[in-house]
Amino acid sequence: MAGPRARRPPGLFQGIESVVTAVVLIAQWAASSNPNADEAVQAYLDQVRPGVQDSASQGSDFADVRANAATLGRTAIDRRLDRLAGEVKSTLSSIDTLTPPPSMRVAQAYLVATLGVRAKAITEARPALDDALTLGASPAAAVSQLEAVGEDLDLGDQALGLFVGSLPPGSNVAPGAPWMTDATSWTPVQLTAFVDLLRSSASAQPVHELAMLAFQTDPPAVSIAADGTQTIPASPTMSVGMVIENVGNQPEENVTVMVILRRADGGIETLRDFINLAPGGTRAITLTPMPTTPGMSGRLEVEVLPVPGETNLASSSITVPVVFR
């Protein structure tokens, strides 16, 4: 015969009931508070969306100044950058004064960082471009200043990416195009050519000057030694691509572009082509074939030959030691 059942303490059911009641109340509070939280987030996004759109438009304006600097001249550049600096700072102020909901505090910090570093870039771009246009100023200093501007542009784009990535799904905040649309145009080589172009445009005298900006073999180099020697896979159909810019203020026609492989055994392989370049124009071309075999070594030269009246030849060629495997 079964013994009497053990009786549970009277307070046990009361404790469970209290816990269940608390859970239900918390759930009800969360359900009622989530709409309010969502509304606060939506209200915040509605406030920041115009600022994000304005920043994208300001980036387009800055890119236009950079692209047309050679024809705008110092006065127009300064005037446009001063106006743009005021607009960017106004956008920063409108965002910095917002009080975001708790869930958006990190996003707000990213957005303020974006606008702050972009304001810094515009402020520093004005003296950098002024130095680039000043014949008596150091071109290397102007290039260094413009490099710093490019770093700020890149940092601002990264911060904006973090801002967009921290937003809730469906927030529908379009960041627009990045301010640094082409990272290669902010490299030291490209900026040096850019400064040369600005100085040529500022000169009343005819300036004839061409620059070899960069080159790339195909197959590309698999390694580059400390002394600059490039190790390249041998190929009977190797090609060499290059970028040439007219940094003078005169059009140039029938410009000779060459690729020369001076082999260690004394042999020479040559490719050439002829191009036309308007002032400030850039041209990318590829010359082929340049047959190579394993074990071959020497020096590879890419060169744009001088045009009549050209005196500065420092940037007209690039030479590297090469080894083919």
Foldseek 3Di string as FASTA:
>chain_A
DDDDDDDDDPCPVVVVVVVVVVVVVVVVVCVVCVVVLVVLQLVLLVQLQVLLVLVQVLLVLVVVCLVCVLPCDLVSSLVSLVVSLVSLVVSLVSLVPDDGPPLCPVLSVLLNLLSVLLSVLSVLLSVLVVLLQDPPHDLVVSLVSLLSSLVSQVSSQVSVVVSVVSRDPPSPRDNHDRSCNDSVCSDSLNSSLSSLLNNQSNDPDWAWDKFWRDKAKVVGFPDADPVGETEGAFDQKMKMKTKMWGSHQAKDFQWKKKKWFQWPVRDIDMWIDGDIYHRGGMDMDMTIDDGDDAAIWGKIKIFTDGDPPHDDRPRGMDMGTYHYD
